[in-house]
Amino acid sequence: MSTETAVRIAAKLYEIRDIRKKLMGDKWPADFAEFSGYVRSGMQKFACDELDAAKRIVEELQVRFLDSGGDQMGILAAAVEMMEPSVEGKP
């Protein structure tokens, strides 16, 4: 993967996290707690880091369910927040 591609993917992941936080508002802490639990379980199950666990969970959601994308967004947002917590007071 080129550096440019990696930077673009990282930017999209941060954007997903920021949008999720804005959408959830005051419910973000509870939303994060729920989805970070899934990411932690995936990390244990697959013996991998947050991003790899999130990727595998999202792929599994796509195969098994007709998810509207909300759960996928929650998983990805939680993984980003776990890897690099956002600064309070900012999206």
PDB file of N, CA and C in Angstrom:
ATOM      1  N   MET A   1       0.843  -1.168   0.000  1.00  0.00           N
ATOM      2  CA  MET A   1       0.000   0.000   0.000  1.00  0.00           C
ATOM      3  C   MET A   1       0.896   1.240   0.000  1.00  0.00           C
ATOM      4  N   SER A   2       0.565   2.178  -0.844  1.00  0.00           N
ATOM      5  CA  SER A   2       1.364   3.397  -0.912  1.00  0.00           C
ATOM      6  C   SER A   2       1.075   4.284   0.303  1.00  0.00           C
ATOM      7  N   THR A   3       1.993   5.184   0.572  1.00  0.00           N
ATOM      8  CA  THR A   3       1.815   6.115   1.679  1.00  0.00           C
ATOM      9  C   THR A   3       0.579   6.969   1.457  1.00  0.00           C
ATOM     10  N   GLU A   4       0.377   7.412   0.242  1.00  0.00           N
ATOM     11  CA  GLU A   4      -0.796   8.232  -0.064  1.00  0.00           C
ATOM     12  C   GLU A   4      -2.087   7.481   0.231  1.00  0.00           C
ATOM     13  N   THR A   5      -2.154   6.219  -0.162  1.00  0.00           N
ATOM     14  CA  THR A   5      -3.344   5.406   0.095  1.00  0.00           C
ATOM     15  C   THR A   5      -3.564   5.247   1.597  1.00  0.00           C
ATOM     16  N   ALA A   6      -2.508   4.980   2.330  1.00  0.00           N
ATOM     17  CA  ALA A   6      -2.623   4.818   3.786  1.00  0.00           C
ATOM     18  C   ALA A   6      -3.124   6.097   4.443  1.00  0.00           C
ATOM     19  N   VAL A   7      -2.637   7.227   3.994  1.00  0.00           N
ATOM     20  CA  VAL A   7      -3.066   8.514   4.552  1.00  0.00           C
ATOM     21  C   VAL A   7      -4.538   8.765   4.244  1.00  0.00           C
ATOM     22  N   ARG A   8      -4.958   8.447   3.039  1.00  0.00           N
ATOM     23  CA  ARG A   8      -6.372   8.636   2.667  1.00  0.00           C
ATOM     24  C   ARG A   8      -7.293   7.733   3.495  1.00  0.00           C
ATOM     25  N   ILE A   9      -6.878   6.499   3.711  1.00  0.00           N
ATOM     26  CA  ILE A   9      -7.679   5.574   4.519  1.00  0.00           C
ATOM     27  C   ILE A   9      -7.759   6.068   5.955  1.00  0.00           C
ATOM     28  N   ALA A  10      -6.629   6.495   6.498  1.00  0.00           N
ATOM     29  CA  ALA A  10      -6.620   7.017   7.867  1.00  0.00           C
ATOM     30  C   ALA A  10      -7.541   8.224   7.993  1.00  0.00           C
ATOM     31  N   ALA A  11      -7.497   9.113   7.020  1.00  0.00           N
ATOM     32  CA  ALA A  11      -8.357  10.302   7.052  1.00  0.00           C
ATOM     33  C   ALA A  11      -9.829   9.906   7.036  1.00  0.00           C
ATOM     34  N   LYS A  12     -10.192   8.921   6.226  1.00  0.00           N
ATOM     35  CA  LYS A  12     -11.585   8.447   6.178  1.00  0.00           C
ATOM     36  C   LYS A  12     -12.005   7.836   7.510  1.00  0.00           C
ATOM     37  N   LEU A  13     -11.100   7.075   8.127  1.00  0.00           N
ATOM     38  CA  LEU A  13     -11.427   6.463   9.417  1.00  0.00           C
ATOM     39  C   LEU A  13     -11.646   7.526  10.493  1.00  0.00           C
ATOM     40  N   TYR A  14     -10.804   8.546  10.519  1.00  0.00           N
ATOM     41  CA  TYR A  14     -11.006   9.648  11.467  1.00  0.00           C
ATOM     42  C   TYR A  14     -12.330  10.352  11.187  1.00  0.00           C
ATOM     43  N   GLU A  15     -12.645  10.522   9.921  1.00  0.00           N
ATOM     44  CA  GLU A  15     -13.900  11.170   9.552  1.00  0.00           C
ATOM     45  C   GLU A  15     -15.099  10.343  10.032  1.00  0.00           C
ATOM     46  N   ILE A  16     -15.016   9.029   9.879  1.00  0.00           N
ATOM     47  CA  ILE A  16     -16.091   8.144  10.359  1.00  0.00           C
ATOM     48  C   ILE A  16     -16.278   8.323  11.860  1.00  0.00           C
ATOM     49  N   ARG A  17     -15.165   8.327  12.603  1.00  0.00           N
ATOM     50  CA  ARG A  17     -15.247   8.509  14.059  1.00  0.00           C
ATOM     51  C   ARG A  17     -15.873   9.856  14.411  1.00  0.00           C
ATOM     52  N   ASP A  18     -15.430  10.914  13.752  1.00  0.00           N
ATOM     53  CA  ASP A  18     -15.929  12.254  14.060  1.00  0.00           C
ATOM     54  C   ASP A  18     -17.413  12.402  13.734  1.00  0.00           C
ATOM     55  N   ILE A  19     -17.826  11.834  12.616  1.00  0.00           N
ATOM     56  CA  ILE A  19     -19.248  11.886  12.244  1.00  0.00           C
ATOM     57  C   ILE A  19     -20.085  11.099  13.245  1.00  0.00           C
ATOM     58  N   ARG A  20     -19.596   9.926  13.640  1.00  0.00           N
ATOM     59  CA  ARG A  20     -20.329   9.103  14.608  1.00  0.00           C
ATOM     60  C   ARG A  20     -20.502   9.853  15.920  1.00  0.00           C
ATOM     61  N   LYS A  21     -19.437  10.500  16.380  1.00  0.00           N
ATOM     62  CA  LYS A  21     -19.519  11.272  17.623  1.00  0.00           C
ATOM     63  C   LYS A  21     -20.551  12.390  17.509  1.00  0.00           C
ATOM     64  N   LYS A  22     -20.574  13.078  16.382  1.00  0.00           N
ATOM     65  CA  LYS A  22     -21.548  14.158  16.190  1.00  0.00           C
ATOM     66  C   LYS A  22     -22.965  13.615  16.147  1.00  0.00           C
ATOM     67  N   LEU A  23     -23.157  12.507  15.436  1.00  0.00           N
ATOM     68  CA  LEU A  23     -24.482  11.907  15.346  1.00  0.00           C
ATOM     69  C   LEU A  23     -24.999  11.438  16.710  1.00  0.00           C
ATOM     70  N   MET A  24     -24.113  10.866  17.506  1.00  0.00           N
ATOM     71  CA  MET A  24     -24.522  10.303  18.803  1.00  0.00           C
ATOM     72  C   MET A  24     -24.650  11.364  19.887  1.00  0.00           C
ATOM     73  N   GLY A  25     -23.919  12.454  19.764  1.00  0.00           N
ATOM     74  CA  GLY A  25     -24.000  13.529  20.760  1.00  0.00           C
ATOM     75  C   GLY A  25     -23.703  13.018  22.164  1.00  0.00           C
ATOM     76  N   ASP A  26     -24.629  13.287  23.083  1.00  0.00           N
ATOM     77  CA  ASP A  26     -24.453  12.871  24.479  1.00  0.00           C
ATOM     78  C   ASP A  26     -24.457  11.354  24.651  1.00  0.00           C
ATOM     79  N   LYS A  27     -24.928  10.637  23.652  1.00  0.00           N
ATOM     80  CA  LYS A  27     -24.979   9.172  23.723  1.00  0.00           C
ATOM     81  C   LYS A  27     -23.664   8.526  23.279  1.00  0.00           C
ATOM     82  N   TRP A  28     -22.695   9.344  22.845  1.00  0.00           N
ATOM     83  CA  TRP A  28     -21.419   8.802  22.364  1.00  0.00           C
ATOM     84  C   TRP A  28     -20.723   7.922  23.389  1.00  0.00           C
ATOM     85  N   PRO A  29     -20.608   8.302  24.668  1.00  0.00           N
ATOM     86  CA  PRO A  29     -19.902   7.423  25.609  1.00  0.00           C
ATOM     87  C   PRO A  29     -20.512   6.016  25.690  1.00  0.00           C
ATOM     88  N   ALA A  30     -21.835   5.941  25.715  1.00  0.00           N
ATOM     89  CA  ALA A  30     -22.493   4.627  25.770  1.00  0.00           C
ATOM     90  C   ALA A  30     -22.310   3.873  24.453  1.00  0.00           C
ATOM     91  N   ASP A  31     -22.396   4.596  23.346  1.00  0.00           N
ATOM     92  CA  ASP A  31     -22.199   3.993  22.027  1.00  0.00           C
ATOM     93  C   ASP A  31     -20.782   3.440  21.919  1.00  0.00           C
ATOM     94  N   PHE A  32     -19.809   4.238  22.340  1.00  0.00           N
ATOM     95  CA  PHE A  32     -18.419   3.799  22.310  1.00  0.00           C
ATOM     96  C   PHE A  32     -18.226   2.570  23.198  1.00  0.00           C
ATOM     97  N   ALA A  33     -18.811   2.583  24.391  1.00  0.00           N
ATOM     98  CA  ALA A  33     -18.670   1.448  25.306  1.00  0.00           C
ATOM     99  C   ALA A  33     -19.200   0.162  24.665  1.00  0.00           C
ATOM    100  N   GLU A  34     -20.351   0.265  24.009  1.00  0.00           N
ATOM    101  CA  GLU A  34     -20.934  -0.921  23.365  1.00  0.00           C
ATOM    102  C   GLU A  34     -20.038  -1.442  22.239  1.00  0.00           C
ATOM    103  N   PHE A  35     -19.674  -0.581  21.317  1.00  0.00           N
ATOM    104  CA  PHE A  35     -18.942  -1.036  20.143  1.00  0.00           C
ATOM    105  C   PHE A  35     -17.482  -1.349  20.443  1.00  0.00           C
ATOM    106  N   SER A  36     -16.890  -0.675  21.412  1.00  0.00           N
ATOM    107  CA  SER A  36     -15.506  -1.018  21.770  1.00  0.00           C
ATOM    108  C   SER A  36     -15.461  -2.409  22.391  1.00  0.00           C
ATOM    109  N   GLY A  37     -16.544  -2.813  23.045  1.00  0.00           N
ATOM    110  CA  GLY A  37     -16.622  -4.174  23.570  1.00  0.00           C
ATOM    111  C   GLY A  37     -16.562  -5.207  22.458  1.00  0.00           C
ATOM    112  N   TYR A  38     -17.252  -4.925  21.362  1.00  0.00           N
ATOM    113  CA  TYR A  38     -17.200  -5.834  20.211  1.00  0.00           C
ATOM    114  C   TYR A  38     -15.793  -5.880  19.618  1.00  0.00           C
ATOM    115  N   VAL A  39     -15.159  -4.712  19.540  1.00  0.00           N
ATOM    116  CA  VAL A  39     -13.803  -4.663  18.986  1.00  0.00           C
ATOM    117  C   VAL A  39     -12.844  -5.443  19.883  1.00  0.00           C
ATOM    118  N   ARG A  40     -12.963  -5.264  21.200  1.00  0.00           N
ATOM    119  CA  ARG A  40     -12.094  -6.012  22.133  1.00  0.00           C
ATOM    120  C   ARG A  40     -12.295  -7.517  21.995  1.00  0.00           C
ATOM    121  N   SER A  41     -13.545  -7.928  21.858  1.00  0.00           N
ATOM    122  CA  SER A  41     -13.830  -9.355  21.663  1.00  0.00           C
ATOM    123  C   SER A  41     -13.200  -9.857  20.371  1.00  0.00           C
ATOM    124  N   GLY A  42     -13.289  -9.047  19.319  1.00  0.00           N
ATOM    125  CA  GLY A  42     -12.665  -9.419  18.045  1.00  0.00           C
ATOM    126  C   GLY A  42     -11.157  -9.504  18.155  1.00  0.00           C
ATOM    127  N   MET A  43     -10.563  -8.595  18.927  1.00  0.00           N
ATOM    128  CA  MET A  43      -9.111  -8.629  19.123  1.00  0.00           C
ATOM    129  C   MET A  43      -8.697  -9.938  19.788  1.00  0.00           C
ATOM    130  N   GLN A  44      -9.478 -10.369  20.768  1.00  0.00           N
ATOM    131  CA  GLN A  44      -9.161 -11.633  21.451  1.00  0.00           C
ATOM    132  C   GLN A  44      -9.400 -12.819  20.530  1.00  0.00           C
ATOM    133  N   LYS A  45     -10.532 -12.804  19.848  1.00  0.00           N
ATOM    134  CA  LYS A  45     -10.892 -13.926  18.977  1.00  0.00           C
ATOM    135  C   LYS A  45      -9.885 -14.117  17.845  1.00  0.00           C
ATOM    136  N   PHE A  46      -9.483 -13.012  17.229  1.00  0.00           N
ATOM    137  CA  PHE A  46      -8.609 -13.088  16.053  1.00  0.00           C
ATOM    138  C   PHE A  46      -7.138 -12.839  16.375  1.00  0.00           C
ATOM    139  N   ALA A  47      -6.826 -12.552  17.642  1.00  0.00           N
ATOM    140  CA  ALA A  47      -5.455 -12.256  18.075  1.00  0.00           C
ATOM    141  C   ALA A  47      -4.812 -11.180  17.184  1.00  0.00           C
ATOM    142  N   CYS A  48      -5.463 -10.016  17.172  1.00  0.00           N
ATOM    143  CA  CYS A  48      -4.986  -8.934  16.308  1.00  0.00           C
ATOM    144  C   CYS A  48      -5.226  -7.583  16.985  1.00  0.00           C
ATOM    145  N   ASP A  49      -4.858  -6.523  16.283  1.00  0.00           N
ATOM    146  CA  ASP A  49      -5.045  -5.185  16.833  1.00  0.00           C
ATOM    147  C   ASP A  49      -6.463  -4.672  16.552  1.00  0.00           C
ATOM    148  N   GLU A  50      -6.740  -3.453  17.015  1.00  0.00           N
ATOM    149  CA  GLU A  50      -8.083  -2.877  16.913  1.00  0.00           C
ATOM    150  C   GLU A  50      -8.571  -2.773  15.470  1.00  0.00           C
ATOM    151  N   LEU A  51      -7.719  -2.271  14.596  1.00  0.00           N
ATOM    152  CA  LEU A  51      -8.148  -2.045  13.217  1.00  0.00           C
ATOM    153  C   LEU A  51      -8.401  -3.349  12.479  1.00  0.00           C
ATOM    154  N   ASP A  52      -7.541  -4.337  12.680  1.00  0.00           N
ATOM    155  CA  ASP A  52      -7.763  -5.637  12.044  1.00  0.00           C
ATOM    156  C   ASP A  52      -9.035  -6.297  12.581  1.00  0.00           C
ATOM    157  N   ALA A  53      -9.254  -6.171  13.879  1.00  0.00           N
ATOM    158  CA  ALA A  53     -10.476  -6.734  14.467  1.00  0.00           C
ATOM    159  C   ALA A  53     -11.705  -6.056  13.878  1.00  0.00           C
ATOM    160  N   ALA A  54     -11.673  -4.727  13.787  1.00  0.00           N
ATOM    161  CA  ALA A  54     -12.807  -3.989  13.229  1.00  0.00           C
ATOM    162  C   ALA A  54     -13.065  -4.399  11.785  1.00  0.00           C
ATOM    163  N   LYS A  55     -12.014  -4.535  11.013  1.00  0.00           N
ATOM    164  CA  LYS A  55     -12.151  -4.943   9.606  1.00  0.00           C
ATOM    165  C   LYS A  55     -12.813  -6.312   9.503  1.00  0.00           C
ATOM    166  N   ARG A  56     -12.385  -7.241  10.319  1.00  0.00           N
ATOM    167  CA  ARG A  56     -12.958  -8.589  10.278  1.00  0.00           C
ATOM    168  C   ARG A  56     -14.413  -8.594  10.728  1.00  0.00           C
ATOM    169  N   ILE A  57     -14.721  -7.813  11.751  1.00  0.00           N
ATOM    170  CA  ILE A  57     -16.106  -7.746  12.234  1.00  0.00           C
ATOM    171  C   ILE A  57     -17.012  -7.137  11.173  1.00  0.00           C
ATOM    172  N   VAL A  58     -16.558  -6.058  10.557  1.00  0.00           N
ATOM    173  CA  VAL A  58     -17.346  -5.412   9.502  1.00  0.00           C
ATOM    174  C   VAL A  58     -17.558  -6.369   8.333  1.00  0.00           C
ATOM    175  N   GLU A  59     -16.525  -7.079   7.939  1.00  0.00           N
ATOM    176  CA  GLU A  59     -16.673  -8.059   6.857  1.00  0.00           C
ATOM    177  C   GLU A  59     -17.690  -9.130   7.226  1.00  0.00           C
ATOM    178  N   GLU A  60     -17.648  -9.571   8.478  1.00  0.00           N
ATOM    179  CA  GLU A  60     -18.598 -10.585   8.931  1.00  0.00           C
ATOM    180  C   GLU A  60     -20.020 -10.042   8.930  1.00  0.00           C
ATOM    181  N   LEU A  61     -20.195  -8.796   9.337  1.00  0.00           N
ATOM    182  CA  LEU A  61     -21.519  -8.169   9.302  1.00  0.00           C
ATOM    183  C   LEU A  61     -22.055  -8.114   7.875  1.00  0.00           C
ATOM    184  N   GLN A  62     -21.185  -7.816   6.936  1.00  0.00           N
ATOM    185  CA  GLN A  62     -21.600  -7.725   5.543  1.00  0.00           C
ATOM    186  C   GLN A  62     -22.024  -9.078   4.989  1.00  0.00           C
ATOM    187  N   VAL A  63     -21.369 -10.134   5.423  1.00  0.00           N
ATOM    188  CA  VAL A  63     -21.675 -11.471   4.921  1.00  0.00           C
ATOM    189  C   VAL A  63     -22.942 -12.032   5.576  1.00  0.00           C
ATOM    190  N   ARG A  64     -23.096 -11.832   6.879  1.00  0.00           N
ATOM    191  CA  ARG A  64     -24.171 -12.489   7.622  1.00  0.00           C
ATOM    192  C   ARG A  64     -25.465 -11.698   7.699  1.00  0.00           C
ATOM    193  N   PHE A  65     -25.384 -10.398   7.604  1.00  0.00           N
ATOM    194  CA  PHE A  65     -26.561  -9.573   7.852  1.00  0.00           C
ATOM    195  C   PHE A  65     -26.773  -8.554   6.747  1.00  0.00           C
ATOM    196  N   LEU A  66     -27.939  -7.999   6.756  1.00  0.00           N
ATOM    197  CA  LEU A  66     -28.231  -6.880   5.866  1.00  0.00           C
ATOM    198  C   LEU A  66     -28.146  -5.603   6.691  1.00  0.00           C
ATOM    199  N   ASP A  67     -26.985  -5.337   7.224  1.00  0.00           N
ATOM    200  CA  ASP A  67     -26.760  -4.174   8.075  1.00  0.00           C
ATOM    201  C   ASP A  67     -26.844  -2.901   7.247  1.00  0.00           C
ATOM    202  N   SER A  68     -27.496  -1.898   7.810  1.00  0.00           N
ATOM    203  CA  SER A  68     -27.659  -0.626   7.102  1.00  0.00           C
ATOM    204  C   SER A  68     -26.378   0.196   7.090  1.00  0.00           C
ATOM    205  N   GLY A  69     -25.383  -0.241   7.821  1.00  0.00           N
ATOM    206  CA  GLY A  69     -24.136   0.506   7.895  1.00  0.00           C
ATOM    207  C   GLY A  69     -23.925   1.145   9.257  1.00  0.00           C
ATOM    208  N   GLY A  70     -24.980   1.253  10.042  1.00  0.00           N
ATOM    209  CA  GLY A  70     -24.863   1.867  11.365  1.00  0.00           C
ATOM    210  C   GLY A  70     -23.943   1.095  12.290  1.00  0.00           C
ATOM    211  N   ASP A  71     -24.095  -0.207  12.310  1.00  0.00           N
ATOM    212  CA  ASP A  71     -23.227  -1.028  13.156  1.00  0.00           C
ATOM    213  C   ASP A  71     -21.788  -1.004  12.638  1.00  0.00           C
ATOM    214  N   GLN A  72     -21.642  -1.030  11.329  1.00  0.00           N
ATOM    215  CA  GLN A  72     -20.298  -0.972  10.753  1.00  0.00           C
ATOM    216  C   GLN A  72     -19.622   0.335  11.127  1.00  0.00           C
ATOM    217  N   MET A  73     -20.361   1.422  11.050  1.00  0.00           N
ATOM    218  CA  MET A  73     -19.813   2.725  11.417  1.00  0.00           C
ATOM    219  C   MET A  73     -19.432   2.741  12.894  1.00  0.00           C
ATOM    220  N   GLY A  74     -20.281   2.166  13.741  1.00  0.00           N
ATOM    221  CA  GLY A  74     -19.997   2.109  15.176  1.00  0.00           C
ATOM    222  C   GLY A  74     -18.735   1.325  15.482  1.00  0.00           C
ATOM    223  N   ILE A  75     -18.554   0.210  14.800  1.00  0.00           N
ATOM    224  CA  ILE A  75     -17.362  -0.622  14.991  1.00  0.00           C
ATOM    225  C   ILE A  75     -16.113   0.146  14.588  1.00  0.00           C
ATOM    226  N   LEU A  76     -16.132   0.752  13.406  1.00  0.00           N
ATOM    227  CA  LEU A  76     -14.967   1.486  12.921  1.00  0.00           C
ATOM    228  C   LEU A  76     -14.663   2.700  13.797  1.00  0.00           C
ATOM    229  N   ALA A  77     -15.703   3.417  14.201  1.00  0.00           N
ATOM    230  CA  ALA A  77     -15.506   4.593  15.063  1.00  0.00           C
ATOM    231  C   ALA A  77     -14.892   4.187  16.394  1.00  0.00           C
ATOM    232  N   ALA A  78     -15.373   3.100  16.959  1.00  0.00           N
ATOM    233  CA  ALA A  78     -14.831   2.629  18.241  1.00  0.00           C
ATOM    234  C   ALA A  78     -13.376   2.215  18.096  1.00  0.00           C
ATOM    235  N   ALA A  79     -13.042   1.528  17.017  1.00  0.00           N
ATOM    236  CA  ALA A  79     -11.654   1.094  16.811  1.00  0.00           C
ATOM    237  C   ALA A  79     -10.721   2.305  16.710  1.00  0.00           C
ATOM    238  N   VAL A  80     -11.128   3.320  15.977  1.00  0.00           N
ATOM    239  CA  VAL A  80     -10.307   4.526  15.851  1.00  0.00           C
ATOM    240  C   VAL A  80     -10.143   5.194  17.205  1.00  0.00           C
ATOM    241  N   GLU A  81     -11.225   5.303  17.951  1.00  0.00           N
ATOM    242  CA  GLU A  81     -11.168   5.944  19.268  1.00  0.00           C
ATOM    243  C   GLU A  81     -10.279   5.154  20.230  1.00  0.00           C
ATOM    244  N   MET A  82     -10.309   3.832  20.122  1.00  0.00           N
ATOM    245  CA  MET A  82      -9.454   2.995  20.973  1.00  0.00           C
ATOM    246  C   MET A  82      -7.980   3.205  20.630  1.00  0.00           C
ATOM    247  N   MET A  83      -7.667   3.338  19.341  1.00  0.00           N
ATOM    248  CA  MET A  83      -6.278   3.484  18.919  1.00  0.00           C
ATOM    249  C   MET A  83      -5.749   4.875  19.210  1.00  0.00           C
ATOM    250  N   GLU A  84      -6.588   5.863  19.018  1.00  0.00           N
ATOM    251  CA  GLU A  84      -6.150   7.243  19.197  1.00  0.00           C
ATOM    252  C   GLU A  84      -7.321   8.071  19.713  1.00  0.00           C
ATOM    253  N   PRO A  85      -7.471   8.123  21.038  1.00  0.00           N
ATOM    254  CA  PRO A  85      -8.611   8.845  21.632  1.00  0.00           C
ATOM    255  C   PRO A  85      -8.663  10.298  21.170  1.00  0.00           C
ATOM    256  N   SER A  86      -9.871  10.744  20.923  1.00  0.00           N
ATOM    257  CA  SER A  86     -10.064  12.132  20.505  1.00  0.00           C
ATOM    258  C   SER A  86      -9.904  13.062  21.702  1.00  0.00           C
ATOM    259  N   VAL A  87      -9.611  14.303  21.405  1.00  0.00           N
ATOM    260  CA  VAL A  87      -9.450  15.319  22.444  1.00  0.00           C
ATOM    261  C   VAL A  87     -10.837  15.764  22.859  1.00  0.00           C
ATOM    262  N   GLU A  88     -11.115  15.782  24.149  1.00  0.00           N
ATOM    263  CA  GLU A  88     -12.428  16.213  24.625  1.00  0.00           C
ATOM    264  C   GLU A  88     -12.700  17.635  24.173  1.00  0.00           C
ATOM    265  N   GLY A  89     -13.950  17.891  23.866  1.00  0.00           N
ATOM    266  CA  GLY A  89     -14.334  19.208  23.424  1.00  0.00           C
ATOM    267  C   GLY A  89     -14.229  19.375  21.918  1.00  0.00           C
ATOM    268  N   LYS A  90     -13.678  18.372  21.238  1.00  0.00           N
ATOM    269  CA  LYS A  90     -13.583  18.412  19.780  1.00  0.00           C
ATOM    270  C   LYS A  90     -14.319  17.198  19.242  1.00  0.00           C
ATOM    271  N   PRO A  91     -14.733  17.248  17.991  1.00  0.00           N
ATOM    272  CA  PRO A  91     -15.476  16.104  17.415  1.00  0.00           C
ATOM    273  C   PRO A  91     -14.639  14.847  17.341  1.00  0.00           C
TER     274      PRO A  91
END
